[in-house]
Amino acid sequence: MYTLHPINQIFYFELQIVTNLKYYLINILLTERSSDNSSSVRSFRINKSFAEILNNEADRMGISVNAMMNSILKQYTEFARFQSKLDMIVINREMFKNVLDHLSEDQSFNLGLDQGKNYPKDAILFWKKHISLETIIEYIEKILCIYGQIGTYDEMFESTSRIIVIRHRLGINGSKFLMGFLISLFKSTIDLKCDLQITDYSIKIQLLIK
């Protein structure tokens, strides 16, 4: 009978212990910006039940666990770690739409004007530490659309302008609210008047490029 070397026996038993625990390691790549633009590999200990969910979700979405974990970490670093500090809550889209539907179009617009005066400015300052056109647009894209999920963000450049389109499912009152909110946002932060057009389910912002 083949007998394991004592050192190999120790290794074997340690391996069995690790295998039977409810934890296992998932190696993911984290890109860390440094002076030489290098990246490093780090290991994280993840609860087995969480790992099974990640594997199932990655399979369902047709991506690797690596890609999913990087997406989760990106969301945390860009948004989630600031969420409680910005006093933000998650609200059901249909609930928010129902609130707006109980208002008139003018009331929805005025509510947007009021809400866009101070909160976005404070949020951007806390989040990005300075206010500029680029940090405002990043706030609209990431905080409102990608993570706030108020709508779908898209943009394009023309020769003299930058066009941003937000598509949403909040109806005409949602468009009126967003119109007022964005007018106040640009006015209260960088004193900028922009051309806005709305439909029942979208809002278009046109910014002149200097």
N, C-alpha and C. Protein backbone atom coordinates (compact mmCIF):
# COMPACT_ATOMS: atom_id res chain seq x y z
N MET A 1 0.86 -1.19 0.00
CA MET A 1 0.00 0.00 0.00
C MET A 1 0.89 1.24 0.00
N TYR A 2 0.46 2.23 -0.79
CA TYR A 2 1.23 3.46 -0.91
C TYR A 2 0.97 4.33 0.32
N THR A 3 2.04 4.82 0.95
CA THR A 3 1.94 5.66 2.14
C THR A 3 2.44 7.05 1.83
N LEU A 4 1.63 8.05 2.24
CA LEU A 4 2.02 9.43 1.99
C LEU A 4 3.19 9.81 2.89
N HIS A 5 4.08 10.57 2.39
CA HIS A 5 5.16 11.16 3.18
C HIS A 5 4.51 12.02 4.27
N PRO A 6 5.09 12.07 5.49
CA PRO A 6 4.50 12.85 6.59
C PRO A 6 4.15 14.28 6.20
N ILE A 7 5.02 14.94 5.45
CA ILE A 7 4.73 16.32 5.03
C ILE A 7 3.51 16.34 4.11
N ASN A 8 3.46 15.35 3.19
CA ASN A 8 2.32 15.29 2.28
C ASN A 8 1.03 14.95 3.04
N GLN A 9 1.15 14.12 4.11
CA GLN A 9 -0.02 13.81 4.91
C GLN A 9 -0.59 15.07 5.56
N ILE A 10 0.29 15.89 6.10
CA ILE A 10 -0.14 17.16 6.71
C ILE A 10 -0.87 18.01 5.68
N PHE A 11 -0.27 18.11 4.50
CA PHE A 11 -0.87 18.90 3.43
C PHE A 11 -2.23 18.34 3.04
N TYR A 12 -2.32 17.01 2.97
CA TYR A 12 -3.56 16.35 2.58
C TYR A 12 -4.68 16.64 3.58
N PHE A 13 -4.36 16.53 4.88
CA PHE A 13 -5.38 16.76 5.90
C PHE A 13 -5.81 18.23 5.93
N GLU A 14 -4.86 19.13 5.75
CA GLU A 14 -5.21 20.55 5.68
C GLU A 14 -6.13 20.83 4.51
N LEU A 15 -5.84 20.18 3.38
CA LEU A 15 -6.66 20.36 2.19
C LEU A 15 -8.08 19.86 2.43
N GLN A 16 -8.20 18.72 3.14
CA GLN A 16 -9.52 18.17 3.44
C GLN A 16 -10.31 19.11 4.35
N ILE A 17 -9.63 19.69 5.33
CA ILE A 17 -10.30 20.62 6.24
C ILE A 17 -10.83 21.83 5.48
N VAL A 18 -9.97 22.39 4.62
CA VAL A 18 -10.37 23.56 3.85
C VAL A 18 -11.53 23.22 2.93
N THR A 19 -11.48 22.03 2.32
CA THR A 19 -12.54 21.62 1.40
C THR A 19 -13.86 21.48 2.10
N ASN A 20 -13.87 21.00 3.35
CA ASN A 20 -15.10 20.76 4.08
C ASN A 20 -15.67 22.02 4.75
N LEU A 21 -14.92 23.08 4.79
CA LEU A 21 -15.44 24.31 5.36
C LEU A 21 -16.49 24.92 4.44
N LYS A 22 -17.30 25.83 4.98
CA LYS A 22 -18.34 26.46 4.18
C LYS A 22 -17.82 27.72 3.50
N TYR A 23 -16.51 27.79 3.37
CA TYR A 23 -15.90 28.92 2.71
C TYR A 23 -14.94 28.42 1.64
N TYR A 24 -14.84 29.17 0.56
CA TYR A 24 -13.80 28.86 -0.39
C TYR A 24 -13.33 30.16 -1.03
N LEU A 25 -12.21 30.07 -1.68
CA LEU A 25 -11.60 31.27 -2.21
C LEU A 25 -11.96 31.47 -3.67
N ILE A 26 -12.31 32.70 -4.01
CA ILE A 26 -12.49 33.09 -5.41
C ILE A 26 -11.43 34.13 -5.70
N ASN A 27 -10.60 33.84 -6.67
CA ASN A 27 -9.57 34.81 -7.07
C ASN A 27 -10.14 35.73 -8.12
N ILE A 28 -10.05 37.03 -7.87
CA ILE A 28 -10.50 37.99 -8.86
C ILE A 28 -9.40 39.02 -9.08
N LEU A 29 -9.41 39.59 -10.25
CA LEU A 29 -8.43 40.62 -10.57
C LEU A 29 -8.97 41.98 -10.20
N LEU A 30 -8.19 42.73 -9.45
CA LEU A 30 -8.52 44.09 -9.11
C LEU A 30 -7.45 44.99 -9.71
N THR A 31 -7.86 45.92 -10.52
CA THR A 31 -6.91 46.84 -11.10
C THR A 31 -6.69 48.00 -10.14
N GLU A 32 -5.49 48.13 -9.68
CA GLU A 32 -5.15 49.20 -8.76
C GLU A 32 -4.22 50.18 -9.47
N ARG A 33 -4.70 51.40 -9.64
CA ARG A 33 -3.89 52.42 -10.29
C ARG A 33 -2.73 52.81 -9.38
N SER A 34 -1.55 52.68 -9.88
CA SER A 34 -0.38 53.10 -9.11
C SER A 34 0.54 53.86 -10.05
N SER A 35 1.69 54.25 -9.54
CA SER A 35 2.59 55.06 -10.35
C SER A 35 3.05 54.33 -11.59
N ASP A 36 3.11 53.00 -11.53
CA ASP A 36 3.57 52.24 -12.69
C ASP A 36 2.40 51.54 -13.39
N ASN A 37 1.14 51.96 -13.06
CA ASN A 37 -0.05 51.40 -13.69
C ASN A 37 -0.11 49.88 -13.60
N SER A 38 0.42 49.33 -12.52
CA SER A 38 0.42 47.88 -12.37
C SER A 38 -0.90 47.41 -11.79
N SER A 39 -1.18 46.12 -11.88
CA SER A 39 -2.37 45.54 -11.27
C SER A 39 -1.93 44.38 -10.39
N SER A 40 -2.79 43.98 -9.47
CA SER A 40 -2.44 42.89 -8.57
C SER A 40 -3.60 41.93 -8.45
N VAL A 41 -3.29 40.71 -8.02
CA VAL A 41 -4.31 39.69 -7.80
C VAL A 41 -4.52 39.55 -6.31
N ARG A 42 -5.80 39.57 -5.88
CA ARG A 42 -6.11 39.41 -4.48
C ARG A 42 -7.12 38.28 -4.32
N SER A 43 -7.08 37.62 -3.18
CA SER A 43 -8.02 36.54 -2.89
C SER A 43 -8.98 36.99 -1.82
N PHE A 44 -10.26 36.59 -1.97
CA PHE A 44 -11.28 36.93 -1.01
C PHE A 44 -11.96 35.66 -0.52
N ARG A 45 -12.22 35.59 0.78
CA ARG A 45 -12.93 34.45 1.34
C ARG A 45 -14.41 34.77 1.32
N ILE A 46 -15.19 33.95 0.61
CA ILE A 46 -16.61 34.21 0.40
C ILE A 46 -17.42 33.04 0.92
N ASN A 47 -18.51 33.34 1.63
CA ASN A 47 -19.40 32.31 2.12
C ASN A 47 -19.87 31.42 0.98
N LYS A 48 -19.92 30.12 1.23
CA LYS A 48 -20.23 29.16 0.17
C LYS A 48 -21.59 29.42 -0.46
N SER A 49 -22.58 29.79 0.36
CA SER A 49 -23.91 30.04 -0.19
C SER A 49 -23.90 31.26 -1.12
N PHE A 50 -23.09 32.27 -0.76
CA PHE A 50 -22.96 33.43 -1.63
C PHE A 50 -22.28 33.04 -2.94
N ALA A 51 -21.27 32.19 -2.83
CA ALA A 51 -20.52 31.77 -4.02
C ALA A 51 -21.42 31.02 -4.99
N GLU A 52 -22.32 30.21 -4.45
CA GLU A 52 -23.24 29.47 -5.31
C GLU A 52 -24.17 30.43 -6.05
N ILE A 53 -24.63 31.45 -5.36
CA ILE A 53 -25.49 32.46 -6.00
C ILE A 53 -24.73 33.18 -7.09
N LEU A 54 -23.47 33.57 -6.80
CA LEU A 54 -22.66 34.25 -7.81
C LEU A 54 -22.45 33.38 -9.04
N ASN A 55 -22.14 32.10 -8.80
CA ASN A 55 -21.94 31.19 -9.93
C ASN A 55 -23.21 31.07 -10.77
N ASN A 56 -24.36 30.92 -10.09
CA ASN A 56 -25.62 30.78 -10.81
C ASN A 56 -25.96 32.04 -11.60
N GLU A 57 -25.76 33.19 -10.97
CA GLU A 57 -26.05 34.45 -11.65
C GLU A 57 -25.12 34.69 -12.83
N ALA A 58 -23.84 34.36 -12.65
CA ALA A 58 -22.88 34.52 -13.74
C ALA A 58 -23.26 33.62 -14.92
N ASP A 59 -23.66 32.37 -14.62
CA ASP A 59 -24.09 31.46 -15.69
C ASP A 59 -25.33 32.00 -16.39
N ARG A 60 -26.27 32.52 -15.61
CA ARG A 60 -27.50 33.05 -16.20
C ARG A 60 -27.24 34.23 -17.12
N MET A 61 -26.29 35.08 -16.72
CA MET A 61 -25.98 36.27 -17.50
C MET A 61 -24.96 36.01 -18.60
N GLY A 62 -24.39 34.81 -18.60
CA GLY A 62 -23.42 34.47 -19.63
C GLY A 62 -22.09 35.17 -19.48
N ILE A 63 -21.69 35.45 -18.23
CA ILE A 63 -20.41 36.10 -17.99
C ILE A 63 -19.65 35.28 -16.95
N SER A 64 -18.38 35.61 -16.76
CA SER A 64 -17.58 34.91 -15.77
C SER A 64 -17.83 35.49 -14.38
N VAL A 65 -17.52 34.70 -13.35
CA VAL A 65 -17.62 35.22 -11.98
C VAL A 65 -16.66 36.39 -11.80
N ASN A 66 -15.51 36.32 -12.45
CA ASN A 66 -14.55 37.43 -12.44
C ASN A 66 -15.21 38.73 -12.86
N ALA A 67 -15.89 38.67 -14.02
CA ALA A 67 -16.53 39.87 -14.56
C ALA A 67 -17.63 40.36 -13.62
N MET A 68 -18.40 39.44 -13.07
CA MET A 68 -19.47 39.82 -12.16
C MET A 68 -18.92 40.48 -10.90
N MET A 69 -17.86 39.90 -10.32
CA MET A 69 -17.28 40.46 -9.11
C MET A 69 -16.69 41.84 -9.36
N ASN A 70 -16.06 42.02 -10.51
CA ASN A 70 -15.53 43.35 -10.84
C ASN A 70 -16.66 44.36 -10.99
N SER A 71 -17.80 43.93 -11.55
CA SER A 71 -18.95 44.81 -11.68
C SER A 71 -19.51 45.19 -10.31
N ILE A 72 -19.59 44.21 -9.42
CA ILE A 72 -20.08 44.47 -8.06
C ILE A 72 -19.14 45.43 -7.32
N LEU A 73 -17.84 45.20 -7.45
CA LEU A 73 -16.87 46.06 -6.78
C LEU A 73 -16.86 47.47 -7.38
N LYS A 74 -17.09 47.56 -8.67
CA LYS A 74 -17.17 48.87 -9.33
C LYS A 74 -18.36 49.65 -8.78
N GLN A 75 -19.50 48.97 -8.64
CA GLN A 75 -20.68 49.63 -8.09
C GLN A 75 -20.43 50.07 -6.66
N TYR A 76 -19.74 49.24 -5.88
CA TYR A 76 -19.46 49.61 -4.49
C TYR A 76 -18.55 50.83 -4.42
N THR A 77 -17.47 50.83 -5.19
CA THR A 77 -16.51 51.93 -5.11
C THR A 77 -17.07 53.23 -5.67
N GLU A 78 -17.94 53.13 -6.70
CA GLU A 78 -18.47 54.34 -7.33
C GLU A 78 -19.74 54.86 -6.65
N PHE A 79 -20.49 53.98 -5.97
CA PHE A 79 -21.79 54.42 -5.47
C PHE A 79 -22.14 53.90 -4.08
N ALA A 80 -22.15 52.58 -3.89
CA ALA A 80 -22.73 52.00 -2.69
C ALA A 80 -22.06 52.50 -1.40
N ARG A 81 -20.76 52.74 -1.43
CA ARG A 81 -20.08 53.18 -0.21
C ARG A 81 -20.47 54.61 0.18
N PHE A 82 -21.06 55.35 -0.77
CA PHE A 82 -21.52 56.71 -0.47
C PHE A 82 -23.02 56.77 -0.17
N GLN A 83 -23.74 55.69 -0.46
CA GLN A 83 -25.20 55.73 -0.43
C GLN A 83 -25.76 56.17 0.91
N SER A 84 -25.34 55.53 1.99
CA SER A 84 -25.86 55.90 3.31
C SER A 84 -25.40 57.29 3.72
N LYS A 85 -24.20 57.67 3.32
CA LYS A 85 -23.68 58.99 3.68
C LYS A 85 -24.42 60.10 2.95
N LEU A 86 -24.98 59.77 1.77
CA LEU A 86 -25.78 60.73 1.03
C LEU A 86 -27.25 60.65 1.42
N ASP A 87 -27.55 59.81 2.42
CA ASP A 87 -28.92 59.66 2.93
C ASP A 87 -29.89 59.22 1.83
N MET A 88 -29.45 58.28 1.01
CA MET A 88 -30.26 57.80 -0.09
C MET A 88 -30.95 56.50 0.29
N ILE A 89 -32.19 56.34 -0.20
CA ILE A 89 -32.92 55.11 0.01
C ILE A 89 -33.33 54.54 -1.34
N VAL A 90 -33.66 53.24 -1.35
CA VAL A 90 -34.14 52.59 -2.56
C VAL A 90 -35.66 52.61 -2.54
N ILE A 91 -36.28 53.04 -3.64
CA ILE A 91 -37.73 53.12 -3.72
C ILE A 91 -38.20 52.40 -4.98
N ASN A 92 -39.31 51.72 -4.87
CA ASN A 92 -39.89 51.03 -6.01
C ASN A 92 -40.29 52.04 -7.09
N ARG A 93 -39.96 51.72 -8.34
CA ARG A 93 -40.24 52.65 -9.44
C ARG A 93 -41.73 52.96 -9.55
N GLU A 94 -42.56 51.92 -9.43
CA GLU A 94 -44.00 52.11 -9.56
C GLU A 94 -44.55 52.98 -8.44
N MET A 95 -43.97 52.86 -7.25
CA MET A 95 -44.38 53.71 -6.12
C MET A 95 -44.07 55.17 -6.41
N PHE A 96 -42.86 55.44 -6.93
CA PHE A 96 -42.50 56.82 -7.26
C PHE A 96 -43.39 57.36 -8.38
N LYS A 97 -43.68 56.53 -9.37
CA LYS A 97 -44.56 56.94 -10.47
C LYS A 97 -45.95 57.27 -9.95
N ASN A 98 -46.46 56.47 -9.01
CA ASN A 98 -47.79 56.73 -8.45
C ASN A 98 -47.83 58.05 -7.69
N VAL A 99 -46.73 58.37 -6.99
CA VAL A 99 -46.66 59.66 -6.31
C VAL A 99 -46.76 60.80 -7.31
N LEU A 100 -45.98 60.70 -8.40
CA LEU A 100 -46.01 61.74 -9.43
C LEU A 100 -47.37 61.82 -10.12
N ASP A 101 -48.01 60.67 -10.30
CA ASP A 101 -49.31 60.65 -10.98
C ASP A 101 -50.40 61.36 -10.19
N HIS A 102 -50.18 61.53 -8.89
CA HIS A 102 -51.15 62.25 -8.06
C HIS A 102 -50.93 63.77 -8.13
N LEU A 103 -49.92 64.18 -8.87
CA LEU A 103 -49.64 65.60 -9.07
C LEU A 103 -50.04 66.02 -10.47
N SER A 104 -50.21 67.31 -10.65
CA SER A 104 -50.40 67.83 -12.01
C SER A 104 -49.04 67.93 -12.68
N GLU A 105 -49.04 68.20 -13.96
CA GLU A 105 -47.76 68.36 -14.68
C GLU A 105 -46.98 69.54 -14.12
N ASP A 106 -47.68 70.63 -13.82
CA ASP A 106 -47.01 71.80 -13.26
C ASP A 106 -46.44 71.51 -11.88
N GLN A 107 -47.20 70.77 -11.07
CA GLN A 107 -46.70 70.41 -9.74
C GLN A 107 -45.48 69.50 -9.81
N SER A 108 -45.49 68.57 -10.77
CA SER A 108 -44.33 67.69 -10.96
C SER A 108 -43.11 68.50 -11.36
N PHE A 109 -43.30 69.44 -12.27
CA PHE A 109 -42.20 70.30 -12.73
C PHE A 109 -41.65 71.12 -11.56
N ASN A 110 -42.55 71.73 -10.77
CA ASN A 110 -42.12 72.56 -9.65
C ASN A 110 -41.43 71.73 -8.57
N LEU A 111 -41.90 70.49 -8.36
CA LEU A 111 -41.24 69.60 -7.42
C LEU A 111 -39.81 69.32 -7.86
N GLY A 112 -39.64 69.08 -9.17
CA GLY A 112 -38.29 68.87 -9.71
C GLY A 112 -37.41 70.09 -9.53
N LEU A 113 -37.99 71.28 -9.79
CA LEU A 113 -37.22 72.52 -9.59
C LEU A 113 -36.74 72.63 -8.15
N ASP A 114 -37.62 72.33 -7.22
CA ASP A 114 -37.29 72.46 -5.79
C ASP A 114 -36.23 71.43 -5.38
N GLN A 115 -36.39 70.18 -5.83
CA GLN A 115 -35.47 69.12 -5.43
C GLN A 115 -34.09 69.26 -6.07
N GLY A 116 -34.01 69.94 -7.19
CA GLY A 116 -32.74 70.09 -7.88
C GLY A 116 -31.89 71.25 -7.41
N LYS A 117 -32.39 72.04 -6.46
CA LYS A 117 -31.68 73.25 -6.05
C LYS A 117 -30.44 72.97 -5.20
N ASN A 118 -30.62 72.18 -4.15
CA ASN A 118 -29.54 72.02 -3.17
C ASN A 118 -28.97 70.61 -3.07
N TYR A 119 -29.84 69.59 -3.05
CA TYR A 119 -29.36 68.24 -2.80
C TYR A 119 -28.30 67.78 -3.81
N PRO A 120 -28.52 67.93 -5.14
CA PRO A 120 -27.50 67.45 -6.09
C PRO A 120 -26.15 68.13 -5.88
N LYS A 121 -26.17 69.42 -5.60
CA LYS A 121 -24.91 70.15 -5.39
C LYS A 121 -24.15 69.57 -4.20
N ASP A 122 -24.85 69.37 -3.08
CA ASP A 122 -24.21 68.79 -1.89
C ASP A 122 -23.71 67.37 -2.18
N ALA A 123 -24.52 66.59 -2.91
CA ALA A 123 -24.15 65.21 -3.21
C ALA A 123 -22.90 65.14 -4.08
N ILE A 124 -22.84 66.00 -5.10
CA ILE A 124 -21.68 66.00 -6.01
C ILE A 124 -20.42 66.43 -5.27
N LEU A 125 -20.55 67.44 -4.42
CA LEU A 125 -19.38 67.89 -3.65
C LEU A 125 -18.87 66.79 -2.74
N PHE A 126 -19.78 66.07 -2.08
CA PHE A 126 -19.36 64.99 -1.20
C PHE A 126 -18.77 63.84 -2.00
N TRP A 127 -19.37 63.54 -3.14
CA TRP A 127 -19.00 62.38 -3.96
C TRP A 127 -17.70 62.62 -4.72
N LYS A 128 -17.60 63.74 -5.44
CA LYS A 128 -16.46 64.01 -6.32
C LYS A 128 -15.51 65.07 -5.79
N LYS A 129 -15.90 65.77 -4.73
CA LYS A 129 -15.08 66.79 -4.06
C LYS A 129 -14.93 68.09 -4.85
N HIS A 130 -15.50 68.18 -6.04
CA HIS A 130 -15.53 69.43 -6.79
C HIS A 130 -16.68 69.38 -7.80
N ILE A 131 -17.10 70.55 -8.22
CA ILE A 131 -18.21 70.64 -9.17
C ILE A 131 -17.72 71.20 -10.49
N SER A 132 -18.03 70.51 -11.55
CA SER A 132 -17.72 70.94 -12.91
C SER A 132 -18.77 70.33 -13.83
N LEU A 133 -18.74 70.70 -15.08
CA LEU A 133 -19.68 70.12 -16.03
C LEU A 133 -19.53 68.61 -16.08
N GLU A 134 -18.29 68.14 -16.04
CA GLU A 134 -18.05 66.70 -16.14
C GLU A 134 -18.56 65.94 -14.91
N THR A 135 -18.38 66.50 -13.71
CA THR A 135 -18.87 65.80 -12.52
C THR A 135 -20.40 65.84 -12.47
N ILE A 136 -21.01 66.89 -13.00
CA ILE A 136 -22.47 66.96 -13.07
C ILE A 136 -23.00 65.88 -14.02
N ILE A 137 -22.37 65.76 -15.18
CA ILE A 137 -22.80 64.75 -16.15
C ILE A 137 -22.58 63.35 -15.57
N GLU A 138 -21.47 63.15 -14.85
CA GLU A 138 -21.21 61.87 -14.22
C GLU A 138 -22.28 61.56 -13.16
N TYR A 139 -22.71 62.59 -12.44
CA TYR A 139 -23.78 62.42 -11.46
C TYR A 139 -25.07 61.98 -12.15
N ILE A 140 -25.41 62.62 -13.26
CA ILE A 140 -26.62 62.26 -14.00
C ILE A 140 -26.52 60.83 -14.51
N GLU A 141 -25.37 60.49 -15.10
CA GLU A 141 -25.20 59.15 -15.68
C GLU A 141 -25.20 58.05 -14.61
N LYS A 142 -24.40 58.24 -13.56
CA LYS A 142 -24.19 57.15 -12.61
C LYS A 142 -25.19 57.16 -11.45
N ILE A 143 -25.32 58.30 -10.77
CA ILE A 143 -26.19 58.34 -9.59
C ILE A 143 -27.66 58.27 -9.98
N LEU A 144 -28.06 59.06 -10.98
CA LEU A 144 -29.47 59.04 -11.37
C LEU A 144 -29.84 57.82 -12.19
N CYS A 145 -29.01 57.50 -13.20
CA CYS A 145 -29.41 56.49 -14.18
C CYS A 145 -28.87 55.09 -13.89
N ILE A 146 -27.56 54.92 -13.83
CA ILE A 146 -27.00 53.57 -13.70
C ILE A 146 -27.34 52.96 -12.34
N TYR A 147 -27.07 53.69 -11.25
CA TYR A 147 -27.29 53.13 -9.92
C TYR A 147 -28.65 53.52 -9.33
N GLY A 148 -29.11 54.74 -9.63
CA GLY A 148 -30.45 55.14 -9.18
C GLY A 148 -31.54 54.53 -10.03
N GLN A 149 -31.19 54.09 -11.24
CA GLN A 149 -32.10 53.40 -12.16
C GLN A 149 -33.37 54.19 -12.45
N ILE A 150 -33.22 55.52 -12.50
CA ILE A 150 -34.38 56.34 -12.83
C ILE A 150 -34.67 56.29 -14.33
N GLY A 151 -33.65 55.91 -15.11
CA GLY A 151 -33.82 55.81 -16.55
C GLY A 151 -32.56 55.28 -17.20
N THR A 152 -32.60 55.19 -18.53
CA THR A 152 -31.45 54.71 -19.30
C THR A 152 -30.73 55.90 -19.92
N TYR A 153 -29.43 55.95 -19.71
CA TYR A 153 -28.61 57.09 -20.14
C TYR A 153 -27.94 56.81 -21.48
N ASP A 154 -27.93 57.82 -22.35
CA ASP A 154 -27.18 57.74 -23.60
C ASP A 154 -26.73 59.14 -23.96
N GLU A 155 -25.63 59.22 -24.69
CA GLU A 155 -25.16 60.53 -25.13
C GLU A 155 -24.42 60.44 -26.45
N MET A 156 -24.34 61.56 -27.11
CA MET A 156 -23.59 61.64 -28.36
C MET A 156 -23.05 63.06 -28.51
N PHE A 157 -22.01 63.18 -29.33
CA PHE A 157 -21.40 64.48 -29.60
C PHE A 157 -21.67 64.88 -31.04
N GLU A 158 -22.04 66.14 -31.23
CA GLU A 158 -22.13 66.74 -32.54
C GLU A 158 -21.06 67.82 -32.63
N SER A 159 -20.99 68.48 -33.74
CA SER A 159 -19.89 69.43 -33.96
C SER A 159 -19.87 70.55 -32.93
N THR A 160 -21.04 71.02 -32.52
CA THR A 160 -21.08 72.15 -31.59
C THR A 160 -21.83 71.84 -30.30
N SER A 161 -22.25 70.61 -30.11
CA SER A 161 -23.05 70.32 -28.92
C SER A 161 -22.84 68.90 -28.41
N ARG A 162 -23.21 68.70 -27.17
CA ARG A 162 -23.20 67.39 -26.53
C ARG A 162 -24.65 67.08 -26.16
N ILE A 163 -25.14 65.96 -26.63
CA ILE A 163 -26.55 65.63 -26.44
C ILE A 163 -26.68 64.43 -25.51
N ILE A 164 -27.47 64.60 -24.48
CA ILE A 164 -27.74 63.54 -23.51
C ILE A 164 -29.22 63.20 -23.57
N VAL A 165 -29.52 61.92 -23.64
CA VAL A 165 -30.92 61.47 -23.66
C VAL A 165 -31.14 60.48 -22.51
N ILE A 166 -32.17 60.72 -21.73
CA ILE A 166 -32.56 59.79 -20.66
C ILE A 166 -33.95 59.24 -20.99
N ARG A 167 -34.02 57.93 -21.14
CA ARG A 167 -35.31 57.28 -21.35
C ARG A 167 -35.76 56.67 -20.03
N HIS A 168 -37.05 56.82 -19.73
CA HIS A 168 -37.57 56.35 -18.44
C HIS A 168 -38.97 55.77 -18.62
N ARG A 169 -39.53 55.27 -17.51
CA ARG A 169 -40.87 54.67 -17.53
C ARG A 169 -41.78 55.35 -16.51
N LEU A 170 -41.60 56.66 -16.34
CA LEU A 170 -42.34 57.39 -15.32
C LEU A 170 -43.47 58.23 -15.90
N GLY A 171 -43.66 58.20 -17.21
CA GLY A 171 -44.74 58.97 -17.80
C GLY A 171 -44.42 60.45 -17.94
N ILE A 172 -45.41 61.21 -18.39
CA ILE A 172 -45.20 62.63 -18.65
C ILE A 172 -44.84 63.39 -17.37
N ASN A 173 -45.44 63.02 -16.23
CA ASN A 173 -45.09 63.70 -14.99
C ASN A 173 -43.64 63.42 -14.59
N GLY A 174 -43.16 62.23 -14.93
CA GLY A 174 -41.75 61.93 -14.69
C GLY A 174 -40.85 62.81 -15.54
N SER A 175 -41.24 63.01 -16.79
CA SER A 175 -40.47 63.90 -17.67
C SER A 175 -40.48 65.32 -17.15
N LYS A 176 -41.65 65.78 -16.67
CA LYS A 176 -41.75 67.13 -16.12
C LYS A 176 -40.89 67.28 -14.87
N PHE A 177 -40.93 66.26 -14.01
CA PHE A 177 -40.11 66.28 -12.80
C PHE A 177 -38.62 66.34 -13.15
N LEU A 178 -38.19 65.47 -14.05
CA LEU A 178 -36.77 65.45 -14.43
C LEU A 178 -36.35 66.75 -15.11
N MET A 179 -37.26 67.31 -15.90
CA MET A 179 -36.95 68.58 -16.56
C MET A 179 -36.68 69.66 -15.52
N GLY A 180 -37.57 69.80 -14.54
CA GLY A 180 -37.36 70.79 -13.48
C GLY A 180 -36.11 70.50 -12.67
N PHE A 181 -35.89 69.23 -12.35
CA PHE A 181 -34.73 68.82 -11.57
C PHE A 181 -33.44 69.19 -12.28
N LEU A 182 -33.36 68.90 -13.57
CA LEU A 182 -32.12 69.16 -14.32
C LEU A 182 -31.90 70.64 -14.57
N ILE A 183 -32.98 71.38 -14.78
CA ILE A 183 -32.84 72.84 -14.92
C ILE A 183 -32.22 73.42 -13.65
N SER A 184 -32.75 73.02 -12.49
CA SER A 184 -32.21 73.51 -11.22
C SER A 184 -30.79 73.02 -10.99
N LEU A 185 -30.54 71.76 -11.36
CA LEU A 185 -29.21 71.18 -11.17
C LEU A 185 -28.14 72.00 -11.88
N PHE A 186 -28.33 72.25 -13.17
CA PHE A 186 -27.33 73.01 -13.93
C PHE A 186 -27.26 74.47 -13.47
N LYS A 187 -28.40 75.06 -13.12
CA LYS A 187 -28.42 76.46 -12.70
C LYS A 187 -27.76 76.65 -11.35
N SER A 188 -28.05 75.76 -10.39
CA SER A 188 -27.55 75.94 -9.02
C SER A 188 -26.08 75.57 -8.87
N THR A 189 -25.54 74.80 -9.81
CA THR A 189 -24.16 74.35 -9.68
C THR A 189 -23.19 75.19 -10.51
N ILE A 190 -23.45 75.31 -11.79
CA ILE A 190 -22.51 76.04 -12.66
C ILE A 190 -23.19 77.17 -13.43
N ASP A 191 -24.40 77.54 -12.97
CA ASP A 191 -25.14 78.66 -13.57
C ASP A 191 -25.24 78.51 -15.10
N LEU A 192 -25.65 77.32 -15.52
CA LEU A 192 -25.74 77.01 -16.95
C LEU A 192 -27.18 76.79 -17.37
N LYS A 193 -27.57 77.48 -18.42
CA LYS A 193 -28.88 77.24 -19.03
C LYS A 193 -28.68 76.28 -20.20
N CYS A 194 -29.46 75.23 -20.22
CA CYS A 194 -29.33 74.25 -21.30
C CYS A 194 -30.68 74.05 -21.98
N ASP A 195 -30.63 73.57 -23.20
CA ASP A 195 -31.83 73.31 -23.97
C ASP A 195 -32.36 71.92 -23.62
N LEU A 196 -33.60 71.85 -23.12
CA LEU A 196 -34.20 70.58 -22.75
C LEU A 196 -35.49 70.35 -23.55
N GLN A 197 -35.66 69.14 -24.01
CA GLN A 197 -36.89 68.74 -24.69
C GLN A 197 -37.37 67.43 -24.07
N ILE A 198 -38.70 67.29 -23.96
CA ILE A 198 -39.23 66.08 -23.33
C ILE A 198 -40.31 65.43 -24.18
N THR A 199 -40.47 64.13 -23.99
CA THR A 199 -41.63 63.39 -24.45
C THR A 199 -42.22 62.71 -23.20
N ASP A 200 -43.22 61.89 -23.38
CA ASP A 200 -43.81 61.21 -22.23
C ASP A 200 -42.81 60.30 -21.53
N TYR A 201 -41.82 59.79 -22.27
CA TYR A 201 -40.91 58.80 -21.69
C TYR A 201 -39.43 59.11 -21.94
N SER A 202 -39.11 60.35 -22.23
CA SER A 202 -37.69 60.68 -22.42
C SER A 202 -37.47 62.16 -22.20
N ILE A 203 -36.21 62.48 -21.92
CA ILE A 203 -35.79 63.87 -21.81
C ILE A 203 -34.46 64.04 -22.53
N LYS A 204 -34.37 65.07 -23.32
CA LYS A 204 -33.16 65.34 -24.12
C LYS A 204 -32.52 66.62 -23.63
N ILE A 205 -31.24 66.54 -23.33
CA ILE A 205 -30.47 67.70 -22.86
C ILE A 205 -29.43 68.03 -23.91
N GLN A 206 -29.41 69.25 -24.38
CA GLN A 206 -28.43 69.67 -25.38
C GLN A 206 -27.53 70.74 -24.78
N LEU A 207 -26.23 70.43 -24.72
CA LEU A 207 -25.26 71.36 -24.14
C LEU A 207 -24.33 71.85 -25.24
N LEU A 208 -24.16 73.16 -25.31
CA LEU A 208 -23.25 73.71 -26.31
C LEU A 208 -21.81 73.45 -25.91
N ILE A 209 -21.00 73.05 -26.88
CA ILE A 209 -19.58 72.81 -26.64
C ILE A 209 -18.82 74.07 -27.01
N LYS A 210 -18.08 74.62 -26.04
CA LYS A 210 -17.33 75.85 -26.30
C LYS A 210 -15.97 75.52 -26.91
